[in-house]
Protein backbone atom coordinates (compact mmCIF):
# COMPACT_ATOMS: atom_id res chain seq x y z
CA MET A 1 -233.52 -47.55 10.88
CA GLY A 2 -231.09 -46.74 13.27
CA LYS A 3 -232.15 -45.35 17.18
CA PRO A 4 -232.96 -41.70 17.06
CA ASP A 5 -230.80 -39.47 18.49
CA LEU A 6 -231.40 -38.60 22.05
CA LYS A 7 -231.47 -34.72 20.95
CA GLY A 8 -234.43 -32.29 22.52
CA VAL A 9 -236.41 -35.95 24.23
CA ARG A 10 -236.03 -35.55 27.58
CA TRP A 11 -238.32 -32.74 27.84
CA LEU A 12 -241.10 -35.79 26.85
CA LEU A 13 -239.10 -38.35 28.82
CA LEU A 14 -239.86 -35.82 32.07
CA LYS A 15 -243.17 -35.00 30.47
CA ASN A 16 -246.47 -36.18 32.06
CA LEU A 17 -248.19 -38.91 29.83
CA ASP A 18 -251.08 -37.54 29.68
CA ASN A 19 -250.21 -33.88 28.64
CA LEU A 20 -247.88 -35.39 25.60
CA ASP A 21 -248.97 -32.91 22.73
CA ASP A 22 -250.09 -35.60 19.39
CA THR A 23 -250.52 -31.52 17.98
CA ARG A 24 -246.49 -32.08 17.84
CA ASP A 25 -246.13 -35.27 16.79
CA GLU A 26 -244.94 -35.73 20.95
CA ARG A 27 -246.32 -38.91 21.85
CA GLN A 28 -245.06 -40.53 18.47
CA ARG A 29 -241.42 -39.51 19.34
CA LEU A 30 -241.68 -40.88 22.85
CA ASN A 31 -243.27 -43.92 21.52
CA ALA A 32 -239.51 -43.85 18.51
CA VAL A 33 -237.02 -43.41 21.45
CA LEU A 34 -238.61 -46.12 24.28
CA LYS A 35 -238.58 -48.69 21.10
CA PHE A 36 -235.00 -48.41 21.26
CA TYR A 37 -233.96 -47.49 24.51
CA LYS A 38 -235.10 -50.29 27.15
CA LEU A 39 -233.64 -48.99 29.67
CA LEU A 40 -235.51 -45.39 29.15
CA VAL A 41 -238.60 -47.29 28.81
CA THR A 42 -238.37 -48.89 32.52
CA ALA A 43 -237.24 -45.75 33.59
CA TYR A 44 -239.85 -43.82 32.09
CA TYR A 45 -243.40 -46.10 33.46
CA MET A 46 -241.69 -45.72 36.73
CA LYS A 47 -242.14 -42.69 36.62
CA GLU A 48 -245.40 -42.38 35.69
CA GLU A 49 -246.40 -45.19 38.14
CA LEU A 50 -244.35 -43.26 40.75
CA ARG A 51 -246.57 -40.09 40.49
CA ASN A 52 -249.70 -42.38 40.23
CA ILE A 53 -248.69 -42.83 44.53
CA TRP A 54 -249.74 -39.02 44.96
CA ARG A 55 -253.68 -39.85 43.03
CA GLN A 56 -254.06 -42.55 45.36
CA PRO A 57 -257.36 -41.86 47.81
CA GLY A 58 -255.96 -42.67 50.60
CA LYS A 59 -253.31 -42.67 53.03
CA THR A 60 -253.53 -46.60 53.53
CA SER A 61 -253.77 -46.68 49.33
CA ALA A 62 -250.88 -44.09 48.77
CA GLN A 63 -248.78 -46.66 51.37
CA GLN A 64 -249.51 -50.02 48.84
CA ALA A 65 -248.70 -47.98 46.28
CA LEU A 66 -245.57 -47.04 47.59
CA ASN A 67 -244.56 -50.07 48.72
CA GLU A 68 -245.32 -51.50 45.56
CA TRP A 69 -243.20 -49.24 43.80
CA VAL A 70 -239.84 -50.07 45.25
CA LYS A 71 -240.53 -53.80 45.33
CA LYS A 72 -240.77 -52.86 41.35
CA ALA A 73 -238.20 -50.49 41.21
CA ALA A 74 -235.81 -52.98 43.77
CA ALA A 75 -236.64 -55.64 41.10
CA THR A 76 -235.22 -53.60 37.88
CA LYS A 77 -232.03 -53.40 39.18
CA VAL A 78 -231.30 -49.99 37.54
CA ASN A 79 -228.70 -47.99 39.23
CA MET A 80 -230.32 -44.45 39.32
CA LEU A 81 -234.23 -46.26 40.56
CA GLU A 82 -232.84 -48.06 43.00
CA GLN A 83 -230.78 -45.21 44.15
CA LEU A 84 -234.32 -43.80 44.63
CA PHE A 85 -236.50 -46.30 46.12
CA LYS A 86 -233.91 -46.71 48.80
CA SER A 87 -234.52 -42.51 49.48
CA LEU A 88 -237.97 -42.90 49.46
CA ALA A 89 -238.78 -45.70 51.15
CA ALA A 90 -235.79 -44.00 53.87
CA GLN A 91 -238.26 -40.68 53.15
CA ARG A 92 -242.26 -43.16 53.45
CA LEU A 93 -243.39 -41.88 56.94
CA GLY A 94 -242.73 -38.05 55.52
CA ILE A 95 -244.42 -38.98 52.16
CA LEU A 96 -247.16 -40.77 53.60
CA THR A 97 -247.87 -37.59 55.60
CA TYR A 98 -248.90 -35.81 52.74
CA PHE A 99 -251.71 -37.97 52.79
CA ASP A 100 -252.67 -36.54 56.61
CA PHE A 101 -252.49 -33.27 55.76
CA ASP A 102 -254.54 -33.64 52.16
CA SER A 103 -257.50 -35.18 54.48
CA LEU A 104 -257.40 -32.26 56.76
CA SER A 105 -256.79 -29.63 54.03
CA LYS A 106 -259.58 -31.22 52.48
CA ALA A 107 -261.86 -31.47 55.59
CA LEU A 108 -261.24 -27.49 56.42
CA SER A 109 -261.66 -26.52 53.11
CA LYS A 110 -265.17 -27.90 52.81
CA PRO A 111 -267.23 -25.95 54.53
CA TYR A 112 -265.58 -22.68 52.21
CA ALA A 113 -266.84 -24.65 49.46
CA GLN A 114 -270.08 -24.76 50.72
CA GLY A 115 -270.74 -21.29 51.50
CA ARG A 116 -270.60 -21.99 55.23
CA PRO A 117 -266.96 -21.12 57.66
CA ILE A 118 -265.83 -23.60 59.78
CA SER A 119 -267.68 -22.95 63.55
């Protein structure tokens, strides 16, 4: 069996792992492609790990996750990931500011969710 054709796989690579549709065999098609293209495996799983930074419960854990991701990306020696990790490292402060506003947003919306105004 030869290498699978990459045509039509782009959207599978961009899709979140938990959003793959098993009724359309997306997970199986993705796995078949990743089996033959090592560079895609690296890029795909680095993308998934990068998504996990935004799922961190707070700024400190997000900073640790981002630092780890940058180290891993640097170790891959993949040119496109190198460009991305340099950009992310340069924008680290701005990225982590998200967690300041996310916490503020949750704090401000909590009283409304409980049915009482902010005083």
